[in-house]
Amino acid sequence: MPSLDFEQEQSRFLSFHDQHRSAMQAVCDAYVALVDAQLAHEGTLDISKVEGRVKDRDECIRKFSRKYRAGLEENGTPYEIRPFISDLIGIRVVCLYEDELEKVAQAVQNVFDVIDVTDKVRDVEGTEASFGYKGLHLDLRLNAAQAALPEHSVLAAWPIELQIRTIVQDSWSVLDHKI
């Protein structure tokens, strides 16, 4: 049950993460294979790599605290941490050219429904200082047809964040996270 007790909610989330870590990693690996297969089926994209990760539990807590906690507590809105971490399982596709970002996004929509889109290319280029992290982020879940397949039954419960970047954007992201 959601509460306004951060220590309690943090403890619940950390316990959840610890209990499901190996299952989340297996789901992540399966999603990497699914995305990779879908992009290979497309056949016309220059993909450098497809990789995945389960977000570190402490990073999840830091992200929640940085982005959501104060607002929820100021408004007196009880919360659980997990629903706010849309990138608990993250898949990254690195392609060669910027014009392929949207093509990758379109290709994965054959198996996924889009929950939300964050276009960091447009966001950064829309500012005076068009220098910074760029990439296309899609919050996804399996579409109904894929979720109904027996081999995907475990995956259906786990939404993912798909980050689509060029090699240059990916390199910048690595540097940006270290700064």
Foldseek 3Di string as FASTA:
>chain_A
DFALDLVVLLVVLVVVCVVCVVVLVVLLVVVQVVLVVLVVVVVPFAWPGKHKDADDSVVLSVVCVVPPNVVCVVVRHTDHSVVVCLARIEMEIAGADPVCQVVSVVSCVVFKDFPDKDFQQCVLVVDPNNDAAGWIKTWIATDPVNCPDPVCVSRRVRIHIYTYYYPVNVVRVVVVVVD
